[in-house]
Amino acid sequence: MAAAPPLFASFKYADSLTVVGISFCTAVVCEAISWVLIYRTSSYKSLKSSIDKAAKKLETMKTENPSTKLTIKKSKTKKIDRVETSLKESSRDLSLFKIKSGAVVALVLFVVFGLLNSLFEGKVVAKLPFHPITIVRKMSHRGLKGDDATDCSMAFLYLLCSISIRTNLQKFLGFSPPRGSAPGGGLFPMPDPKTN
């Protein structure tokens, strides 16, 4: 008895769609892990609300009409500095809070990448609609034989899909970082130009 052919085996874009589908499923699994470990916890919710409040307060303080008196201006600058410091500290705490989930998600992505690499090793999964520059060609043609620069390996397609799908899925589910957490926050904040 012959084995049944895979569902998309005769389809022209079967390998590409398989990589995109696995990338989408991986993004869903990673976001589910993040939800369990981060987004549903009360400490995350309180950190996120404090970042949102501080960002709104900072925005309103910076857009208020500047006063002419020097003493009022200095006190306003001190208040703005305090709010900015609070915002940076909350952003740093949020980044530290996400490390646990980040490690688990990295492990899942590593395992899935290894599985895909073994399935599609040396196989062209897509054709690029352009001739890439040298540095992109080294990534897009990784592990492939031949000289056709438009051949795309699984690693490059998976990288592009993972970045775009997961980011958009986070926005769709409402898990994107709070709007005030990006500038100067994180584990390694930018130096403050006022202290130099």
N, C-alpha and C. Protein backbone atom coordinates (compact mmCIF):
# COMPACT_ATOMS: atom_id res chain seq x y z
N MET A 1 0.84 -1.18 0.00
CA MET A 1 0.00 0.00 0.00
C MET A 1 0.88 1.24 0.00
N ALA A 2 0.65 2.17 -0.90
CA ALA A 2 1.45 3.39 -1.02
C ALA A 2 1.00 4.42 0.01
N ALA A 3 1.98 5.21 0.45
CA ALA A 3 1.67 6.26 1.43
C ALA A 3 0.89 7.39 0.74
N ALA A 4 -0.02 7.97 1.47
CA ALA A 4 -0.81 9.07 0.93
C ALA A 4 0.08 10.30 0.74
N PRO A 5 -0.07 11.01 -0.38
CA PRO A 5 0.77 12.19 -0.61
C PRO A 5 0.37 13.31 0.36
N PRO A 6 1.35 14.12 0.76
CA PRO A 6 1.02 15.25 1.63
C PRO A 6 0.01 16.18 0.97
N LEU A 7 -0.72 16.91 1.75
CA LEU A 7 -1.82 17.75 1.28
C LEU A 7 -1.39 18.73 0.19
N PHE A 8 -0.28 19.43 0.39
CA PHE A 8 0.16 20.46 -0.56
C PHE A 8 1.34 20.02 -1.42
N ALA A 9 1.65 18.75 -1.49
CA ALA A 9 2.87 18.30 -2.16
C ALA A 9 2.93 18.72 -3.62
N SER A 10 1.81 18.72 -4.32
CA SER A 10 1.84 19.07 -5.74
C SER A 10 1.63 20.57 -5.95
N PHE A 11 1.35 21.30 -4.91
CA PHE A 11 1.12 22.74 -5.01
C PHE A 11 2.44 23.47 -5.18
N LYS A 12 2.48 24.47 -6.06
CA LYS A 12 3.72 25.18 -6.40
C LYS A 12 4.36 25.87 -5.20
N TYR A 13 3.54 26.43 -4.32
CA TYR A 13 4.06 27.19 -3.20
C TYR A 13 3.95 26.43 -1.88
N ALA A 14 3.98 25.12 -1.95
CA ALA A 14 3.77 24.30 -0.75
C ALA A 14 4.81 24.58 0.34
N ASP A 15 6.08 24.64 -0.02
CA ASP A 15 7.13 24.86 0.98
C ASP A 15 7.02 26.25 1.60
N SER A 16 6.76 27.24 0.76
CA SER A 16 6.61 28.61 1.27
C SER A 16 5.45 28.71 2.24
N LEU A 17 4.31 28.15 1.85
CA LEU A 17 3.14 28.21 2.72
C LEU A 17 3.33 27.41 4.00
N THR A 18 4.08 26.33 3.92
CA THR A 18 4.38 25.54 5.12
C THR A 18 5.20 26.36 6.09
N VAL A 19 6.23 27.05 5.60
CA VAL A 19 7.07 27.88 6.47
C VAL A 19 6.26 29.03 7.06
N VAL A 20 5.44 29.68 6.24
CA VAL A 20 4.60 30.79 6.74
C VAL A 20 3.60 30.27 7.77
N GLY A 21 2.98 29.14 7.49
CA GLY A 21 2.01 28.55 8.43
C GLY A 21 2.64 28.18 9.76
N ILE A 22 3.80 27.55 9.69
CA ILE A 22 4.50 27.18 10.93
C ILE A 22 4.93 28.43 11.68
N SER A 23 5.34 29.45 10.96
CA SER A 23 5.72 30.71 11.59
C SER A 23 4.51 31.33 12.30
N PHE A 24 3.36 31.30 11.66
CA PHE A 24 2.14 31.85 12.28
C PHE A 24 1.77 31.06 13.53
N CYS A 25 1.80 29.73 13.43
CA CYS A 25 1.48 28.89 14.59
C CYS A 25 2.47 29.12 15.73
N THR A 26 3.73 29.28 15.40
CA THR A 26 4.75 29.55 16.42
C THR A 26 4.49 30.89 17.09
N ALA A 27 4.10 31.89 16.31
CA ALA A 27 3.79 33.21 16.88
C ALA A 27 2.61 33.12 17.84
N VAL A 28 1.60 32.34 17.47
CA VAL A 28 0.44 32.17 18.35
C VAL A 28 0.85 31.47 19.64
N VAL A 29 1.66 30.42 19.53
CA VAL A 29 2.13 29.70 20.72
C VAL A 29 2.98 30.62 21.60
N CYS A 30 3.86 31.40 21.00
CA CYS A 30 4.71 32.31 21.77
C CYS A 30 3.89 33.38 22.48
N GLU A 31 2.87 33.90 21.82
CA GLU A 31 2.01 34.90 22.47
C GLU A 31 1.18 34.27 23.57
N ALA A 32 0.78 33.01 23.40
CA ALA A 32 0.06 32.31 24.47
C ALA A 32 0.96 32.12 25.69
N ILE A 33 2.21 31.76 25.45
CA ILE A 33 3.18 31.63 26.55
C ILE A 33 3.38 32.97 27.24
N SER A 34 3.51 34.02 26.45
CA SER A 34 3.69 35.36 27.02
C SER A 34 2.46 35.77 27.82
N TRP A 35 1.28 35.41 27.35
CA TRP A 35 0.06 35.76 28.08
C TRP A 35 0.03 35.05 29.43
N VAL A 36 0.39 33.77 29.42
CA VAL A 36 0.37 33.00 30.67
C VAL A 36 1.41 33.53 31.65
N LEU A 37 2.62 33.83 31.16
CA LEU A 37 3.70 34.23 32.05
C LEU A 37 3.74 35.73 32.36
N ILE A 38 3.15 36.56 31.48
CA ILE A 38 3.29 38.01 31.66
C ILE A 38 1.94 38.73 31.69
N TYR A 39 1.28 38.76 30.55
CA TYR A 39 0.18 39.70 30.31
C TYR A 39 -1.02 39.54 31.23
N ARG A 40 -1.27 38.38 31.77
CA ARG A 40 -2.43 38.20 32.63
C ARG A 40 -2.14 38.49 34.10
N THR A 41 -0.89 38.72 34.45
CA THR A 41 -0.53 38.94 35.85
C THR A 41 -0.88 40.36 36.29
N SER A 42 -1.18 40.49 37.57
CA SER A 42 -1.55 41.81 38.10
C SER A 42 -0.34 42.76 38.14
N SER A 43 0.85 42.22 38.35
CA SER A 43 2.03 43.10 38.39
C SER A 43 2.31 43.70 37.02
N TYR A 44 2.09 42.94 35.94
CA TYR A 44 2.26 43.50 34.60
C TYR A 44 1.23 44.60 34.36
N LYS A 45 -0.02 44.32 34.74
CA LYS A 45 -1.09 45.30 34.51
C LYS A 45 -0.82 46.59 35.27
N SER A 46 -0.33 46.49 36.49
CA SER A 46 -0.04 47.71 37.27
C SER A 46 1.15 48.46 36.67
N LEU A 47 2.18 47.72 36.23
CA LEU A 47 3.32 48.39 35.58
C LEU A 47 2.89 49.09 34.29
N LYS A 48 2.07 48.42 33.51
CA LYS A 48 1.61 49.00 32.25
C LYS A 48 0.78 50.25 32.51
N SER A 49 -0.10 50.20 33.51
CA SER A 49 -0.93 51.38 33.79
C SER A 49 -0.09 52.53 34.33
N SER A 50 0.94 52.22 35.14
CA SER A 50 1.79 53.30 35.64
C SER A 50 2.61 53.93 34.51
N ILE A 51 3.04 53.13 33.55
CA ILE A 51 3.76 53.66 32.39
C ILE A 51 2.84 54.53 31.55
N ASP A 52 1.61 54.05 31.32
CA ASP A 52 0.65 54.84 30.54
C ASP A 52 0.33 56.17 31.23
N LYS A 53 0.11 56.13 32.54
CA LYS A 53 -0.20 57.36 33.28
C LYS A 53 0.97 58.33 33.25
N ALA A 54 2.18 57.82 33.47
CA ALA A 54 3.36 58.68 33.45
C ALA A 54 3.59 59.28 32.07
N ALA A 55 3.36 58.49 31.03
CA ALA A 55 3.54 58.99 29.66
C ALA A 55 2.54 60.09 29.35
N LYS A 56 1.28 59.90 29.76
CA LYS A 56 0.27 60.92 29.53
C LYS A 56 0.58 62.19 30.33
N LYS A 57 0.99 62.00 31.58
CA LYS A 57 1.32 63.15 32.42
C LYS A 57 2.50 63.93 31.84
N LEU A 58 3.51 63.20 31.38
CA LEU A 58 4.68 63.84 30.78
C LEU A 58 4.30 64.61 29.52
N GLU A 59 3.45 64.00 28.72
CA GLU A 59 3.01 64.64 27.49
C GLU A 59 2.25 65.93 27.77
N THR A 60 1.37 65.91 28.75
CA THR A 60 0.61 67.12 29.07
C THR A 60 1.51 68.19 29.69
N MET A 61 2.47 67.77 30.49
CA MET A 61 3.39 68.73 31.10
C MET A 61 4.26 69.42 30.05
N LYS A 62 4.66 68.68 29.04
CA LYS A 62 5.52 69.26 28.00
C LYS A 62 4.74 70.14 27.03
N THR A 63 3.42 69.90 26.88
CA THR A 63 2.64 70.68 25.93
C THR A 63 1.98 71.90 26.56
N GLU A 64 2.02 72.02 27.88
CA GLU A 64 1.45 73.20 28.54
C GLU A 64 2.22 74.45 28.12
N ASN A 65 1.52 75.57 28.20
CA ASN A 65 2.16 76.85 27.83
C ASN A 65 3.34 77.15 28.74
N PRO A 66 4.48 77.51 28.15
CA PRO A 66 5.64 77.83 28.99
C PRO A 66 5.39 79.12 29.77
N SER A 67 5.78 79.11 31.01
CA SER A 67 5.60 80.30 31.84
C SER A 67 6.80 81.23 31.69
N THR A 68 6.57 82.48 31.99
CA THR A 68 7.63 83.47 31.81
C THR A 68 8.53 83.59 33.03
N LYS A 69 8.01 83.26 34.20
CA LYS A 69 8.81 83.40 35.42
C LYS A 69 9.83 82.27 35.51
N LEU A 70 11.03 82.62 35.89
CA LEU A 70 12.14 81.66 35.96
C LEU A 70 11.92 80.62 37.05
N THR A 71 11.38 81.01 38.21
CA THR A 71 11.19 80.06 39.31
C THR A 71 10.13 79.02 38.97
N ILE A 72 9.07 79.44 38.30
CA ILE A 72 8.02 78.49 37.90
C ILE A 72 8.59 77.54 36.84
N LYS A 73 9.40 78.07 35.95
CA LYS A 73 10.00 77.25 34.89
C LYS A 73 10.93 76.19 35.49
N LYS A 74 11.71 76.58 36.51
CA LYS A 74 12.61 75.62 37.14
C LYS A 74 11.84 74.52 37.86
N SER A 75 10.78 74.88 38.56
CA SER A 75 10.00 73.86 39.27
C SER A 75 9.30 72.94 38.29
N LYS A 76 8.85 73.49 37.17
CA LYS A 76 8.22 72.65 36.14
C LYS A 76 9.24 71.69 35.54
N THR A 77 10.46 72.16 35.32
CA THR A 77 11.52 71.30 34.78
C THR A 77 11.84 70.18 35.76
N LYS A 78 11.85 70.50 37.07
CA LYS A 78 12.11 69.47 38.07
C LYS A 78 10.99 68.43 38.08
N LYS A 79 9.75 68.87 37.94
CA LYS A 79 8.61 67.93 37.90
C LYS A 79 8.71 67.04 36.67
N ILE A 80 9.05 67.63 35.55
CA ILE A 80 9.20 66.85 34.30
C ILE A 80 10.31 65.82 34.47
N ASP A 81 11.42 66.22 35.08
CA ASP A 81 12.53 65.28 35.31
C ASP A 81 12.10 64.13 36.21
N ARG A 82 11.30 64.43 37.26
CA ARG A 82 10.83 63.37 38.16
C ARG A 82 9.93 62.39 37.43
N VAL A 83 9.03 62.92 36.59
CA VAL A 83 8.12 62.05 35.83
C VAL A 83 8.91 61.21 34.82
N GLU A 84 9.90 61.81 34.15
CA GLU A 84 10.74 61.07 33.21
C GLU A 84 11.50 59.96 33.91
N THR A 85 12.03 60.25 35.10
CA THR A 85 12.76 59.24 35.88
C THR A 85 11.84 58.10 36.27
N SER A 86 10.64 58.44 36.72
CA SER A 86 9.66 57.42 37.08
C SER A 86 9.30 56.55 35.88
N LEU A 87 9.15 57.19 34.73
CA LEU A 87 8.82 56.47 33.50
C LEU A 87 9.95 55.52 33.10
N LYS A 88 11.18 55.98 33.20
CA LYS A 88 12.33 55.13 32.87
C LYS A 88 12.44 53.95 33.82
N GLU A 89 12.20 54.18 35.11
CA GLU A 89 12.28 53.09 36.08
C GLU A 89 11.18 52.06 35.84
N SER A 90 9.98 52.51 35.55
CA SER A 90 8.89 51.58 35.26
C SER A 90 9.16 50.79 33.98
N SER A 91 9.72 51.45 32.98
CA SER A 91 10.06 50.76 31.72
C SER A 91 11.14 49.71 31.96
N ARG A 92 12.13 50.04 32.79
CA ARG A 92 13.17 49.07 33.12
C ARG A 92 12.58 47.88 33.87
N ASP A 93 11.69 48.15 34.82
CA ASP A 93 11.05 47.07 35.58
C ASP A 93 10.23 46.17 34.65
N LEU A 94 9.56 46.79 33.68
CA LEU A 94 8.77 46.02 32.72
C LEU A 94 9.67 45.13 31.87
N SER A 95 10.81 45.65 31.46
CA SER A 95 11.76 44.84 30.67
C SER A 95 12.30 43.68 31.49
N LEU A 96 12.63 43.92 32.74
CA LEU A 96 13.10 42.83 33.61
C LEU A 96 12.01 41.79 33.83
N PHE A 97 10.78 42.25 33.91
CA PHE A 97 9.64 41.36 34.13
C PHE A 97 9.44 40.43 32.93
N LYS A 98 9.76 40.92 31.72
CA LYS A 98 9.56 40.15 30.50
C LYS A 98 10.68 39.15 30.21
N ILE A 99 11.76 39.19 30.95
CA ILE A 99 12.90 38.30 30.68
C ILE A 99 12.53 36.83 30.81
N LYS A 100 11.76 36.49 31.83
CA LYS A 100 11.37 35.09 32.07
C LYS A 100 10.62 34.52 30.87
N SER A 101 9.65 35.26 30.38
CA SER A 101 8.90 34.83 29.21
C SER A 101 9.77 34.81 27.97
N GLY A 102 10.66 35.79 27.86
CA GLY A 102 11.55 35.87 26.71
C GLY A 102 12.44 34.65 26.57
N ALA A 103 12.88 34.11 27.70
CA ALA A 103 13.73 32.91 27.67
C ALA A 103 12.94 31.70 27.17
N VAL A 104 11.70 31.56 27.63
CA VAL A 104 10.87 30.43 27.20
C VAL A 104 10.53 30.56 25.72
N VAL A 105 10.19 31.76 25.30
CA VAL A 105 9.85 32.00 23.89
C VAL A 105 11.08 31.74 23.01
N ALA A 106 12.25 32.16 23.46
CA ALA A 106 13.48 31.91 22.69
C ALA A 106 13.73 30.42 22.53
N LEU A 107 13.48 29.66 23.59
CA LEU A 107 13.64 28.21 23.52
C LEU A 107 12.69 27.60 22.49
N VAL A 108 11.43 28.04 22.50
CA VAL A 108 10.45 27.53 21.54
C VAL A 108 10.88 27.88 20.11
N LEU A 109 11.30 29.13 19.90
CA LEU A 109 11.74 29.53 18.56
C LEU A 109 12.97 28.76 18.11
N PHE A 110 13.87 28.49 19.03
CA PHE A 110 15.08 27.72 18.72
C PHE A 110 14.72 26.30 18.28
N VAL A 111 13.81 25.67 18.99
CA VAL A 111 13.39 24.29 18.66
C VAL A 111 12.69 24.27 17.30
N VAL A 112 11.78 25.21 17.07
CA VAL A 112 11.06 25.26 15.80
C VAL A 112 12.01 25.54 14.64
N PHE A 113 12.97 26.44 14.85
CA PHE A 113 13.95 26.72 13.80
C PHE A 113 14.77 25.47 13.47
N GLY A 114 15.18 24.74 14.48
CA GLY A 114 15.92 23.50 14.26
C GLY A 114 15.11 22.48 13.49
N LEU A 115 13.83 22.36 13.83
CA LEU A 115 12.95 21.43 13.12
C LEU A 115 12.80 21.85 11.66
N LEU A 116 12.54 23.12 11.43
CA LEU A 116 12.39 23.60 10.05
C LEU A 116 13.69 23.46 9.27
N ASN A 117 14.81 23.71 9.93
CA ASN A 117 16.10 23.59 9.27
C ASN A 117 16.35 22.16 8.82
N SER A 118 15.95 21.19 9.63
CA SER A 118 16.14 19.80 9.22
C SER A 118 15.18 19.40 8.10
N LEU A 119 13.98 19.98 8.08
CA LEU A 119 13.00 19.66 7.03
C LEU A 119 13.35 20.28 5.68
N PHE A 120 13.89 21.50 5.71
CA PHE A 120 14.12 22.25 4.47
C PHE A 120 15.59 22.51 4.19
N GLU A 121 16.47 21.70 4.70
CA GLU A 121 17.90 21.89 4.52
C GLU A 121 18.27 21.80 3.04
N GLY A 122 18.89 22.87 2.51
CA GLY A 122 19.33 22.89 1.13
C GLY A 122 18.22 23.01 0.11
N LYS A 123 17.02 23.36 0.55
CA LYS A 123 15.85 23.40 -0.32
C LYS A 123 15.41 24.85 -0.54
N VAL A 124 15.14 25.21 -1.79
CA VAL A 124 14.63 26.54 -2.11
C VAL A 124 13.15 26.56 -1.76
N VAL A 125 12.74 27.48 -0.87
CA VAL A 125 11.34 27.54 -0.46
C VAL A 125 10.59 28.71 -1.09
N ALA A 126 11.32 29.67 -1.65
CA ALA A 126 10.67 30.82 -2.28
C ALA A 126 11.63 31.46 -3.29
N LYS A 127 11.07 32.31 -4.12
CA LYS A 127 11.86 33.09 -5.08
C LYS A 127 11.67 34.56 -4.74
N LEU A 128 12.77 35.26 -4.59
CA LEU A 128 12.70 36.70 -4.32
C LEU A 128 12.39 37.44 -5.61
N PRO A 129 11.59 38.49 -5.56
CA PRO A 129 11.24 39.23 -6.78
C PRO A 129 12.31 40.27 -7.18
N PHE A 130 13.48 40.17 -6.59
CA PHE A 130 14.55 41.12 -6.86
C PHE A 130 15.89 40.42 -6.64
N HIS A 131 16.97 41.02 -7.12
CA HIS A 131 18.31 40.52 -6.85
C HIS A 131 18.82 41.26 -5.62
N PRO A 132 18.98 40.58 -4.50
CA PRO A 132 19.36 41.26 -3.26
C PRO A 132 20.81 41.72 -3.26
N ILE A 133 21.08 42.72 -2.43
CA ILE A 133 22.46 43.18 -2.26
C ILE A 133 23.24 42.07 -1.54
N THR A 134 24.54 42.18 -1.51
CA THR A 134 25.41 41.10 -1.03
C THR A 134 25.08 40.63 0.38
N ILE A 135 24.90 41.56 1.32
CA ILE A 135 24.67 41.15 2.70
C ILE A 135 23.33 40.43 2.84
N VAL A 136 22.31 40.89 2.11
CA VAL A 136 21.00 40.22 2.14
C VAL A 136 21.10 38.88 1.43
N ARG A 137 21.88 38.81 0.35
CA ARG A 137 22.04 37.55 -0.39
C ARG A 137 22.65 36.48 0.49
N LYS A 138 23.59 36.87 1.36
CA LYS A 138 24.21 35.90 2.26
C LYS A 138 23.19 35.31 3.22
N MET A 139 22.22 36.11 3.62
CA MET A 139 21.17 35.60 4.51
C MET A 139 20.11 34.83 3.74
N SER A 140 19.68 35.36 2.60
CA SER A 140 18.59 34.73 1.86
C SER A 140 19.01 33.45 1.14
N HIS A 141 20.29 33.32 0.85
CA HIS A 141 20.78 32.16 0.10
C HIS A 141 21.52 31.18 1.01
N ARG A 142 21.40 31.35 2.31
CA ARG A 142 22.12 30.54 3.29
C ARG A 142 21.75 29.06 3.16
N GLY A 143 22.76 28.24 2.95
CA GLY A 143 22.56 26.79 2.89
C GLY A 143 22.07 26.27 1.56
N LEU A 144 21.94 27.13 0.57
CA LEU A 144 21.45 26.69 -0.73
C LEU A 144 22.59 26.52 -1.72
N LYS A 145 22.44 25.54 -2.59
CA LYS A 145 23.43 25.33 -3.66
C LYS A 145 22.97 26.11 -4.87
N GLY A 146 23.90 26.44 -5.74
CA GLY A 146 23.56 27.16 -6.96
C GLY A 146 23.90 28.63 -6.85
N ASP A 147 23.78 29.31 -7.97
CA ASP A 147 24.17 30.72 -8.04
C ASP A 147 22.98 31.67 -8.24
N ASP A 148 21.77 31.17 -8.27
CA ASP A 148 20.61 32.03 -8.48
C ASP A 148 20.36 32.86 -7.22
N ALA A 149 20.61 34.16 -7.33
CA ALA A 149 20.49 35.05 -6.17
C ALA A 149 19.05 35.24 -5.72
N THR A 150 18.08 34.91 -6.58
CA THR A 150 16.68 35.08 -6.20
C THR A 150 16.13 33.89 -5.42
N ASP A 151 16.91 32.83 -5.28
CA ASP A 151 16.49 31.69 -4.46
C ASP A 151 16.47 32.12 -2.99
N CYS A 152 15.47 31.68 -2.28
CA CYS A 152 15.31 32.06 -0.88
C CYS A 152 15.29 30.81 -0.01
N SER A 153 16.12 30.82 1.01
CA SER A 153 16.18 29.68 1.92
C SER A 153 15.10 29.78 2.99
N MET A 154 14.87 28.69 3.69
CA MET A 154 13.89 28.65 4.76
C MET A 154 14.23 29.65 5.86
N ALA A 155 15.52 29.76 6.20
CA ALA A 155 15.92 30.62 7.31
C ALA A 155 15.52 32.07 7.08
N PHE A 156 15.72 32.57 5.87
CA PHE A 156 15.39 33.96 5.56
C PHE A 156 13.88 34.18 5.57
N LEU A 157 13.12 33.28 4.95
CA LEU A 157 11.67 33.40 4.93
C LEU A 157 11.10 33.30 6.34
N TYR A 158 11.62 32.38 7.13
CA TYR A 158 11.14 32.22 8.51
C TYR A 158 11.45 33.47 9.34
N LEU A 159 12.64 34.04 9.15
CA LEU A 159 13.00 35.27 9.86
C LEU A 159 12.03 36.40 9.52
N LEU A 160 11.79 36.62 8.24
CA LEU A 160 10.87 37.68 7.83
C LEU A 160 9.46 37.45 8.36
N CYS A 161 9.00 36.21 8.26
CA CYS A 161 7.65 35.89 8.74
C CYS A 161 7.54 36.06 10.25
N SER A 162 8.53 35.57 10.98
CA SER A 162 8.49 35.66 12.44
C SER A 162 8.42 37.10 12.91
N ILE A 163 9.24 37.94 12.31
CA ILE A 163 9.26 39.35 12.71
C ILE A 163 7.93 40.02 12.41
N SER A 164 7.45 39.85 11.20
CA SER A 164 6.23 40.57 10.81
C SER A 164 4.97 39.99 11.46
N ILE A 165 4.85 38.68 11.49
CA ILE A 165 3.64 38.07 12.04
C ILE A 165 3.53 38.31 13.53
N ARG A 166 4.61 38.11 14.27
CA ARG A 166 4.54 38.25 15.73
C ARG A 166 4.27 39.69 16.14
N THR A 167 4.90 40.64 15.48
CA THR A 167 4.68 42.05 15.79
C THR A 167 3.23 42.44 15.54
N ASN A 168 2.68 42.05 14.40
CA ASN A 168 1.29 42.38 14.08
C ASN A 168 0.32 41.62 14.97
N LEU A 169 0.64 40.40 15.35
CA LEU A 169 -0.21 39.64 16.26
C LEU A 169 -0.25 40.30 17.63
N GLN A 170 0.89 40.81 18.09
CA GLN A 170 0.93 41.53 19.38
C GLN A 170 0.06 42.77 19.33
N LYS A 171 0.12 43.51 18.23
CA LYS A 171 -0.73 44.70 18.09
C LYS A 171 -2.20 44.32 18.06
N PHE A 172 -2.53 43.27 17.32
CA PHE A 172 -3.92 42.82 17.19
C PHE A 172 -4.48 42.37 18.54
N LEU A 173 -3.68 41.65 19.31
CA LEU A 173 -4.14 41.16 20.61
C LEU A 173 -4.03 42.20 21.72
N GLY A 174 -3.42 43.33 21.42
CA GLY A 174 -3.28 44.39 22.42
C GLY A 174 -2.11 44.16 23.37
N PHE A 175 -1.13 43.38 22.97
CA PHE A 175 0.03 43.07 23.80
C PHE A 175 1.25 43.90 23.45
N SER A 176 1.10 44.88 22.57
CA SER A 176 2.26 45.70 22.21
C SER A 176 2.68 46.51 23.43
N PRO A 177 3.96 46.88 23.50
CA PRO A 177 4.46 47.61 24.67
C PRO A 177 3.71 48.93 24.87
N PRO A 178 3.59 49.38 26.11
CA PRO A 178 2.94 50.66 26.35
C PRO A 178 3.66 51.77 25.61
N ARG A 179 2.94 52.79 25.20
CA ARG A 179 3.51 53.82 24.33
C ARG A 179 4.62 54.61 24.98
N GLY A 180 4.66 54.71 26.27
CA GLY A 180 5.70 55.48 26.93
C GLY A 180 6.91 54.68 27.33
N SER A 181 6.91 53.38 27.04
CA SER A 181 8.01 52.54 27.52
C SER A 181 9.21 52.52 26.60
N ALA A 182 9.07 52.92 25.36
CA ALA A 182 10.17 52.80 24.40
C ALA A 182 11.31 53.80 24.61
N PRO A 183 11.06 55.10 24.64
CA PRO A 183 12.20 56.01 24.67
C PRO A 183 12.93 56.02 26.00
N GLY A 184 14.19 55.67 25.97
CA GLY A 184 15.03 55.74 27.17
C GLY A 184 14.78 54.64 28.17
N GLY A 185 13.83 53.76 27.90
CA GLY A 185 13.53 52.69 28.85
C GLY A 185 14.32 51.45 28.52
N GLY A 186 13.86 50.35 29.03
CA GLY A 186 14.51 49.08 28.76
C GLY A 186 15.63 48.80 29.75
N LEU A 187 16.33 47.73 29.50
CA LEU A 187 17.41 47.34 30.39
C LEU A 187 18.62 48.24 30.26
N PHE A 188 18.88 48.75 29.06
CA PHE A 188 20.04 49.58 28.81
C PHE A 188 19.58 50.93 28.28
N PRO A 189 19.15 51.83 29.17
CA PRO A 189 18.62 53.11 28.70
C PRO A 189 19.71 54.00 28.13
N MET A 190 19.28 54.92 27.29
CA MET A 190 20.19 55.90 26.70
C MET A 190 20.63 56.86 27.80
N PRO A 191 21.86 57.34 27.75
CA PRO A 191 22.31 58.31 28.76
C PRO A 191 21.50 59.60 28.67
N ASP A 192 21.30 60.20 29.82
CA ASP A 192 20.52 61.43 29.88
C ASP A 192 21.42 62.61 29.51
N PRO A 193 21.08 63.38 28.46
CA PRO A 193 21.94 64.48 28.04
C PRO A 193 22.00 65.61 29.07
N LYS A 194 21.01 65.68 29.97
CA LYS A 194 20.98 66.76 30.96
C LYS A 194 22.06 66.58 32.03
N THR A 195 22.47 65.33 32.26
CA THR A 195 23.46 65.08 33.32
C THR A 195 24.89 65.24 32.84
N ASN A 196 25.07 65.35 31.54
CA ASN A 196 26.44 65.51 30.99
C ASN A 196 26.92 66.92 31.09
